[in-house]
Amino acid sequence: MRTAYAEILASAKAHAPQAHITGVSVQEMVRDGVEVIGRRILRPAIGPVLLFGSGGVMVEVYNDVACAAARSPARKPRR
């Protein structure tokens, strides 16, 4: 873990010496399957919102996510 952290910092400083780095993300690489991100957020004004997208570096580098209100058909909309 420490080696990976040091390698990430060295690479970042080599490519952008002026960058102010406040932290890094070190995660195990998934060999098989598909990495995804999913989250349910409760917004008082509109109710539950679902977030879904590509996981891993795709979500961090490309912000590859989509959000949508998750309304239940059995629930009447609020006015």
PDB file of N, CA and C in Angstrom:
ATOM      1  N   MET A   1       0.821  -1.167   0.000  1.00  0.00           N
ATOM      2  CA  MET A   1       0.000   0.000   0.000  1.00  0.00           C
ATOM      3  C   MET A   1       0.882   1.254   0.000  1.00  0.00           C
ATOM      4  N   ARG A   2       1.866   1.269   0.835  1.00  0.00           N
ATOM      5  CA  ARG A   2       2.757   2.440   0.892  1.00  0.00           C
ATOM      6  C   ARG A   2       3.529   2.622  -0.412  1.00  0.00           C
ATOM      7  N   THR A   3       3.925   1.495  -1.010  1.00  0.00           N
ATOM      8  CA  THR A   3       4.651   1.568  -2.284  1.00  0.00           C
ATOM      9  C   THR A   3       3.749   2.133  -3.374  1.00  0.00           C
ATOM     10  N   ALA A   4       2.512   1.659  -3.440  1.00  0.00           N
ATOM     11  CA  ALA A   4       1.562   2.163  -4.434  1.00  0.00           C
ATOM     12  C   ALA A   4       1.316   3.654  -4.235  1.00  0.00           C
ATOM     13  N   TYR A   5       1.155   4.074  -2.986  1.00  0.00           N
ATOM     14  CA  TYR A   5       0.953   5.493  -2.668  1.00  0.00           C
ATOM     15  C   TYR A   5       2.140   6.332  -3.158  1.00  0.00           C
ATOM     16  N   ALA A   6       3.353   5.884  -2.871  1.00  0.00           N
ATOM     17  CA  ALA A   6       4.561   6.611  -3.271  1.00  0.00           C
ATOM     18  C   ALA A   6       4.681   6.668  -4.791  1.00  0.00           C
ATOM     19  N   GLU A   7       4.329   5.570  -5.476  1.00  0.00           N
ATOM     20  CA  GLU A   7       4.398   5.555  -6.940  1.00  0.00           C
ATOM     21  C   GLU A   7       3.388   6.513  -7.563  1.00  0.00           C
ATOM     22  N   ILE A   8       2.191   6.568  -7.004  1.00  0.00           N
ATOM     23  CA  ILE A   8       1.163   7.483  -7.516  1.00  0.00           C
ATOM     24  C   ILE A   8       1.611   8.936  -7.334  1.00  0.00           C
ATOM     25  N   LEU A   9       2.139   9.271  -6.160  1.00  0.00           N
ATOM     26  CA  LEU A   9       2.606  10.642  -5.917  1.00  0.00           C
ATOM     27  C   LEU A   9       3.762  11.009  -6.835  1.00  0.00           C
ATOM     28  N   ALA A  10       4.709  10.105  -7.016  1.00  0.00           N
ATOM     29  CA  ALA A  10       5.857  10.377  -7.889  1.00  0.00           C
ATOM     30  C   ALA A  10       5.405  10.595  -9.324  1.00  0.00           C
ATOM     31  N   SER A  11       4.476   9.785  -9.795  1.00  0.00           N
ATOM     32  CA  SER A  11       3.964   9.930 -11.159  1.00  0.00           C
ATOM     33  C   SER A  11       3.231  11.259 -11.331  1.00  0.00           C
ATOM     34  N   ALA A  12       2.414  11.616 -10.366  1.00  0.00           N
ATOM     35  CA  ALA A  12       1.673  12.879 -10.443  1.00  0.00           C
ATOM     36  C   ALA A  12       2.624  14.074 -10.445  1.00  0.00           C
ATOM     37  N   LYS A  13       3.617  14.049  -9.589  1.00  0.00           N
ATOM     38  CA  LYS A  13       4.578  15.165  -9.522  1.00  0.00           C
ATOM     39  C   LYS A  13       5.411  15.261 -10.791  1.00  0.00           C
ATOM     40  N   ALA A  14       5.710  14.118 -11.424  1.00  0.00           N
ATOM     41  CA  ALA A  14       6.470  14.131 -12.669  1.00  0.00           C
ATOM     42  C   ALA A  14       5.655  14.755 -13.805  1.00  0.00           C
ATOM     43  N   HIS A  15       4.347  14.518 -13.811  1.00  0.00           N
ATOM     44  CA  HIS A  15       3.491  15.039 -14.874  1.00  0.00           C
ATOM     45  C   HIS A  15       2.984  16.447 -14.600  1.00  0.00           C
ATOM     46  N   ALA A  16       2.850  16.818 -13.340  1.00  0.00           N
ATOM     47  CA  ALA A  16       2.335  18.146 -12.981  1.00  0.00           C
ATOM     48  C   ALA A  16       3.000  18.600 -11.693  1.00  0.00           C
ATOM     49  N   PRO A  17       4.252  19.081 -11.776  1.00  0.00           N
ATOM     50  CA  PRO A  17       4.992  19.460 -10.567  1.00  0.00           C
ATOM     51  C   PRO A  17       4.319  20.561  -9.742  1.00  0.00           C
ATOM     52  N   GLN A  18       3.499  21.390 -10.380  1.00  0.00           N
ATOM     53  CA  GLN A  18       2.844  22.500  -9.688  1.00  0.00           C
ATOM     54  C   GLN A  18       1.563  22.067  -8.974  1.00  0.00           C
ATOM     55  N   ALA A  19       1.110  20.837  -9.186  1.00  0.00           N
ATOM     56  CA  ALA A  19      -0.152  20.363  -8.613  1.00  0.00           C
ATOM     57  C   ALA A  19      -0.092  20.287  -7.091  1.00  0.00           C
ATOM     58  N   HIS A  20      -1.192  20.664  -6.464  1.00  0.00           N
ATOM     59  CA  HIS A  20      -1.343  20.543  -5.004  1.00  0.00           C
ATOM     60  C   HIS A  20      -2.160  19.275  -4.756  1.00  0.00           C
ATOM     61  N   ILE A  21      -1.520  18.214  -4.305  1.00  0.00           N
ATOM     62  CA  ILE A  21      -2.167  16.917  -4.126  1.00  0.00           C
ATOM     63  C   ILE A  21      -2.576  16.769  -2.670  1.00  0.00           C
ATOM     64  N   THR A  22      -3.870  16.534  -2.444  1.00  0.00           N
ATOM     65  CA  THR A  22      -4.379  16.409  -1.074  1.00  0.00           C
ATOM     66  C   THR A  22      -4.632  14.962  -0.668  1.00  0.00           C
ATOM     67  N   GLY A  23      -4.486  14.026  -1.600  1.00  0.00           N
ATOM     68  CA  GLY A  23      -4.688  12.612  -1.274  1.00  0.00           C
ATOM     69  C   GLY A  23      -4.743  11.776  -2.536  1.00  0.00           C
ATOM     70  N   VAL A  24      -4.729  10.482  -2.370  1.00  0.00           N
ATOM     71  CA  VAL A  24      -4.814   9.552  -3.500  1.00  0.00           C
ATOM     72  C   VAL A  24      -5.771   8.422  -3.132  1.00  0.00           C
ATOM     73  N   SER A  25      -6.234   7.711  -4.144  1.00  0.00           N
ATOM     74  CA  SER A  25      -7.086   6.548  -3.939  1.00  0.00           C
ATOM     75  C   SER A  25      -6.341   5.313  -4.420  1.00  0.00           C
ATOM     76  N   VAL A  26      -6.100   4.370  -3.516  1.00  0.00           N
ATOM     77  CA  VAL A  26      -5.424   3.125  -3.859  1.00  0.00           C
ATOM     78  C   VAL A  26      -6.429   2.005  -3.625  1.00  0.00           C
ATOM     79  N   GLN A  27      -6.777   1.281  -4.714  1.00  0.00           N
ATOM     80  CA  GLN A  27      -7.764   0.218  -4.613  1.00  0.00           C
ATOM     81  C   GLN A  27      -7.272  -1.022  -5.339  1.00  0.00           C
ATOM     82  N   GLU A  28      -7.756  -2.165  -4.907  1.00  0.00           N
ATOM     83  CA  GLU A  28      -7.412  -3.419  -5.553  1.00  0.00           C
ATOM     84  C   GLU A  28      -8.039  -3.467  -6.938  1.00  0.00           C
ATOM     85  N   MET A  29      -7.279  -3.935  -7.937  1.00  0.00           N
ATOM     86  CA  MET A  29      -7.790  -4.046  -9.294  1.00  0.00           C
ATOM     87  C   MET A  29      -8.662  -5.289  -9.413  1.00  0.00           C
ATOM     88  N   VAL A  30      -9.825  -5.117 -10.006  1.00  0.00           N
ATOM     89  CA  VAL A  30     -10.731  -6.237 -10.232  1.00  0.00           C
ATOM     90  C   VAL A  30     -10.307  -6.946 -11.505  1.00  0.00           C
ATOM     91  N   ARG A  31     -10.119  -8.246 -11.436  1.00  0.00           N
ATOM     92  CA  ARG A  31      -9.660  -9.019 -12.600  1.00  0.00           C
ATOM     93  C   ARG A  31     -10.824  -9.458 -13.484  1.00  0.00           C
ATOM     94  N   ASP A  32     -11.901  -9.952 -12.884  1.00  0.00           N
ATOM     95  CA  ASP A  32     -13.058 -10.435 -13.629  1.00  0.00           C
ATOM     96  C   ASP A  32     -14.283  -9.604 -13.271  1.00  0.00           C
ATOM     97  N   GLY A  33     -15.255  -9.584 -14.161  1.00  0.00           N
ATOM     98  CA  GLY A  33     -16.494  -8.885 -13.878  1.00  0.00           C
ATOM     99  C   GLY A  33     -16.450  -7.445 -14.352  1.00  0.00           C
ATOM    100  N   VAL A  34     -17.450  -6.700 -13.929  1.00  0.00           N
ATOM    101  CA  VAL A  34     -17.594  -5.296 -14.316  1.00  0.00           C
ATOM    102  C   VAL A  34     -17.722  -4.465 -13.047  1.00  0.00           C
ATOM    103  N   GLU A  35     -16.914  -3.420 -12.944  1.00  0.00           N
ATOM    104  CA  GLU A  35     -16.978  -2.532 -11.788  1.00  0.00           C
ATOM    105  C   GLU A  35     -18.034  -1.469 -12.030  1.00  0.00           C
ATOM    106  N   VAL A  36     -18.928  -1.287 -11.060  1.00  0.00           N
ATOM    107  CA  VAL A  36     -19.951  -0.255 -11.161  1.00  0.00           C
ATOM    108  C   VAL A  36     -20.056   0.477  -9.830  1.00  0.00           C
ATOM    109  N   ILE A  37     -20.674   1.652  -9.882  1.00  0.00           N
ATOM    110  CA  ILE A  37     -20.971   2.405  -8.670  1.00  0.00           C
ATOM    111  C   ILE A  37     -22.476   2.602  -8.623  1.00  0.00           C
ATOM    112  N   GLY A  38     -23.044   2.467  -7.449  1.00  0.00           N
ATOM    113  CA  GLY A  38     -24.472   2.694  -7.265  1.00  0.00           C
ATOM    114  C   GLY A  38     -24.716   3.330  -5.915  1.00  0.00           C
ATOM    115  N   ARG A  39     -25.670   4.231  -5.875  1.00  0.00           N
ATOM    116  CA  ARG A  39     -25.957   4.916  -4.612  1.00  0.00           C
ATOM    117  C   ARG A  39     -27.389   5.415  -4.627  1.00  0.00           C
ATOM    118  N   ARG A  40     -28.020   5.392  -3.479  1.00  0.00           N
ATOM    119  CA  ARG A  40     -29.352   5.963  -3.297  1.00  0.00           C
ATOM    120  C   ARG A  40     -29.195   7.160  -2.374  1.00  0.00           C
ATOM    121  N   ILE A  41     -29.696   8.291  -2.814  1.00  0.00           N
ATOM    122  CA  ILE A  41     -29.593   9.526  -2.045  1.00  0.00           C
ATOM    123  C   ILE A  41     -31.010  10.026  -1.783  1.00  0.00           C
ATOM    124  N   LEU A  42     -31.319  10.431  -0.580  1.00  0.00           N
ATOM    125  CA  LEU A  42     -32.639  10.967  -0.270  1.00  0.00           C
ATOM    126  C   LEU A  42     -32.581  12.489  -0.274  1.00  0.00           C
ATOM    127  N   ARG A  43     -33.280  13.084  -1.237  1.00  0.00           N
ATOM    128  CA  ARG A  43     -33.379  14.546  -1.331  1.00  0.00           C
ATOM    129  C   ARG A  43     -34.772  14.957  -0.844  1.00  0.00           C
ATOM    130  N   PRO A  44     -34.857  15.762   0.226  1.00  0.00           N
ATOM    131  CA  PRO A  44     -36.161  16.112   0.790  1.00  0.00           C
ATOM    132  C   PRO A  44     -37.133  16.726  -0.225  1.00  0.00           C
ATOM    133  N   ALA A  45     -36.643  17.505  -1.151  1.00  0.00           N
ATOM    134  CA  ALA A  45     -37.530  18.185  -2.102  1.00  0.00           C
ATOM    135  C   ALA A  45     -38.119  17.249  -3.149  1.00  0.00           C
ATOM    136  N   ILE A  46     -37.389  16.203  -3.536  1.00  0.00           N
ATOM    137  CA  ILE A  46     -37.868  15.338  -4.624  1.00  0.00           C
ATOM    138  C   ILE A  46     -37.932  13.863  -4.262  1.00  0.00           C
ATOM    139  N   GLY A  47     -37.452  13.494  -3.099  1.00  0.00           N
ATOM    140  CA  GLY A  47     -37.480  12.093  -2.692  1.00  0.00           C
ATOM    141  C   GLY A  47     -36.192  11.373  -3.048  1.00  0.00           C
ATOM    142  N   PRO A  48     -36.271  10.036  -3.204  1.00  0.00           N
ATOM    143  CA  PRO A  48     -35.056   9.269  -3.480  1.00  0.00           C
ATOM    144  C   PRO A  48     -34.502   9.512  -4.883  1.00  0.00           C
ATOM    145  N   VAL A  49     -33.182   9.564  -4.970  1.00  0.00           N
ATOM    146  CA  VAL A  49     -32.477   9.718  -6.243  1.00  0.00           C
ATOM    147  C   VAL A  49     -31.484   8.569  -6.349  1.00  0.00           C
ATOM    148  N   LEU A  50     -31.424   7.936  -7.522  1.00  0.00           N
ATOM    149  CA  LEU A  50     -30.477   6.860  -7.755  1.00  0.00           C
ATOM    150  C   LEU A  50     -29.316   7.354  -8.588  1.00  0.00           C
ATOM    151  N   LEU A  51     -28.104   6.930  -8.233  1.00  0.00           N
ATOM    152  CA  LEU A  51     -26.892   7.226  -8.986  1.00  0.00           C
ATOM    153  C   LEU A  51     -26.327   5.897  -9.458  1.00  0.00           C
ATOM    154  N   PHE A  52     -25.947   5.815 -10.725  1.00  0.00           N
ATOM    155  CA  PHE A  52     -25.384   4.590 -11.265  1.00  0.00           C
ATOM    156  C   PHE A  52     -24.368   4.945 -12.335  1.00  0.00           C
ATOM    157  N   GLY A  53     -23.269   4.198 -12.404  1.00  0.00           N
ATOM    158  CA  GLY A  53     -22.279   4.453 -13.444  1.00  0.00           C
ATOM    159  C   GLY A  53     -21.147   3.454 -13.426  1.00  0.00           C
ATOM    160  N   SER A  54     -20.205   3.689 -14.309  1.00  0.00           N
ATOM    161  CA  SER A  54     -19.004   2.854 -14.363  1.00  0.00           C
ATOM    162  C   SER A  54     -18.228   3.037 -13.074  1.00  0.00           C
ATOM    163  N   GLY A  55     -17.652   1.974 -12.567  1.00  0.00           N
ATOM    164  CA  GLY A  55     -16.905   2.054 -11.324  1.00  0.00           C
ATOM    165  C   GLY A  55     -15.429   2.275 -11.566  1.00  0.00           C
ATOM    166  N   GLY A  56     -14.662   2.193 -10.497  1.00  0.00           N
ATOM    167  CA  GLY A  56     -13.214   2.326 -10.594  1.00  0.00           C
ATOM    168  C   GLY A  56     -12.784   3.697 -11.070  1.00  0.00           C
ATOM    169  N   VAL A  57     -11.754   3.729 -11.903  1.00  0.00           N
ATOM    170  CA  VAL A  57     -11.211   5.009 -12.359  1.00  0.00           C
ATOM    171  C   VAL A  57     -12.173   5.741 -13.283  1.00  0.00           C
ATOM    172  N   MET A  58     -13.073   5.034 -13.951  1.00  0.00           N
ATOM    173  CA  MET A  58     -14.012   5.706 -14.864  1.00  0.00           C
ATOM    174  C   MET A  58     -14.859   6.739 -14.134  1.00  0.00           C
ATOM    175  N   VAL A  59     -15.342   6.387 -12.947  1.00  0.00           N
ATOM    176  CA  VAL A  59     -16.168   7.325 -12.197  1.00  0.00           C
ATOM    177  C   VAL A  59     -15.326   8.485 -11.667  1.00  0.00           C
ATOM    178  N   GLU A  60     -14.086   8.217 -11.310  1.00  0.00           N
ATOM    179  CA  GLU A  60     -13.235   9.261 -10.746  1.00  0.00           C
ATOM    180  C   GLU A  60     -12.639  10.173 -11.815  1.00  0.00           C
ATOM    181  N   VAL A  61     -12.202   9.610 -12.924  1.00  0.00           N
ATOM    182  CA  VAL A  61     -11.553  10.404 -13.960  1.00  0.00           C
ATOM    183  C   VAL A  61     -12.571  11.059 -14.887  1.00  0.00           C
ATOM    184  N   TYR A  62     -13.564  10.288 -15.332  1.00  0.00           N
ATOM    185  CA  TYR A  62     -14.518  10.788 -16.329  1.00  0.00           C
ATOM    186  C   TYR A  62     -15.850  11.212 -15.744  1.00  0.00           C
ATOM    187  N   ASN A  63     -16.039  11.036 -14.436  1.00  0.00           N
ATOM    188  CA  ASN A  63     -17.310  11.347 -13.784  1.00  0.00           C
ATOM    189  C   ASN A  63     -18.459  10.668 -14.536  1.00  0.00           C
ATOM    190  N   ASP A  64     -18.247   9.390 -14.872  1.00  0.00           N
ATOM    191  CA  ASP A  64     -19.170   8.620 -15.695  1.00  0.00           C
ATOM    192  C   ASP A  64     -20.305   8.057 -14.848  1.00  0.00           C
ATOM    193  N   VAL A  65     -21.281   8.922 -14.515  1.00  0.00           N
ATOM    194  CA  VAL A  65     -22.423   8.518 -13.710  1.00  0.00           C
ATOM    195  C   VAL A  65     -23.692   9.153 -14.266  1.00  0.00           C
ATOM    196  N   ALA A  66     -24.816   8.574 -13.911  1.00  0.00           N
ATOM    197  CA  ALA A  66     -26.119   9.141 -14.251  1.00  0.00           C
ATOM    198  C   ALA A  66     -26.969   9.140 -12.985  1.00  0.00           C
ATOM    199  N   CYS A  67     -27.799  10.168 -12.835  1.00  0.00           N
ATOM    200  CA  CYS A  67     -28.696  10.276 -11.685  1.00  0.00           C
ATOM    201  C   CYS A  67     -30.129  10.407 -12.185  1.00  0.00           C
ATOM    202  N   ALA A  68     -31.062   9.823 -11.441  1.00  0.00           N
ATOM    203  CA  ALA A  68     -32.478   9.922 -11.804  1.00  0.00           C
ATOM    204  C   ALA A  68     -33.326   9.825 -10.545  1.00  0.00           C
ATOM    205  N   ALA A  69     -34.435  10.572 -10.547  1.00  0.00           N
ATOM    206  CA  ALA A  69     -35.378  10.473  -9.441  1.00  0.00           C
ATOM    207  C   ALA A  69     -35.989   9.082  -9.456  1.00  0.00           C
ATOM    208  N   ALA A  70     -36.102   8.473  -8.298  1.00  0.00           N
ATOM    209  CA  ALA A  70     -36.625   7.109  -8.194  1.00  0.00           C
ATOM    210  C   ALA A  70     -38.019   7.155  -7.582  1.00  0.00           C
ATOM    211  N   ARG A  71     -38.963   7.556  -8.359  1.00  0.00           N
ATOM    212  CA  ARG A  71     -40.338   7.667  -7.853  1.00  0.00           C
ATOM    213  C   ARG A  71     -41.043   6.323  -7.920  1.00  0.00           C
ATOM    214  N   SER A  72     -41.797   6.024  -6.896  1.00  0.00           N
ATOM    215  CA  SER A  72     -42.551   4.781  -6.847  1.00  0.00           C
ATOM    216  C   SER A  72     -43.903   5.008  -7.524  1.00  0.00           C
ATOM    217  N   PRO A  73     -44.327   4.100  -8.422  1.00  0.00           N
ATOM    218  CA  PRO A  73     -45.620   4.287  -9.079  1.00  0.00           C
ATOM    219  C   PRO A  73     -46.796   4.203  -8.090  1.00  0.00           C
ATOM    220  N   ALA A  74     -46.584   3.575  -6.934  1.00  0.00           N
ATOM    221  CA  ALA A  74     -47.663   3.454  -5.942  1.00  0.00           C
ATOM    222  C   ALA A  74     -47.796   4.727  -5.117  1.00  0.00           C
ATOM    223  N   ARG A  75     -46.843   5.607  -5.206  1.00  0.00           N
ATOM    224  CA  ARG A  75     -46.843   6.832  -4.406  1.00  0.00           C
ATOM    225  C   ARG A  75     -47.313   8.010  -5.249  1.00  0.00           C
ATOM    226  N   LYS A  76     -48.209   8.811  -4.701  1.00  0.00           N
ATOM    227  CA  LYS A  76     -48.657   9.998  -5.429  1.00  0.00           C
ATOM    228  C   LYS A  76     -47.607  11.092  -5.345  1.00  0.00           C
ATOM    229  N   PRO A  77     -47.406  11.847  -6.443  1.00  0.00           N
ATOM    230  CA  PRO A  77     -46.418  12.938  -6.401  1.00  0.00           C
ATOM    231  C   PRO A  77     -46.823  14.013  -5.403  1.00  0.00           C
ATOM    232  N   ARG A  78     -45.836  14.615  -4.772  1.00  0.00           N
ATOM    233  CA  ARG A  78     -46.085  15.733  -3.849  1.00  0.00           C
ATOM    234  C   ARG A  78     -46.276  17.007  -4.647  1.00  0.00           C
ATOM    235  N   ARG A  79     -47.107  17.883  -4.150  1.00  0.00           N
ATOM    236  CA  ARG A  79     -47.313  19.192  -4.811  1.00  0.00           C
ATOM    237  C   ARG A  79     -46.741  20.289  -3.953  1.00  0.00           C
TER     238      ARG A  79
END
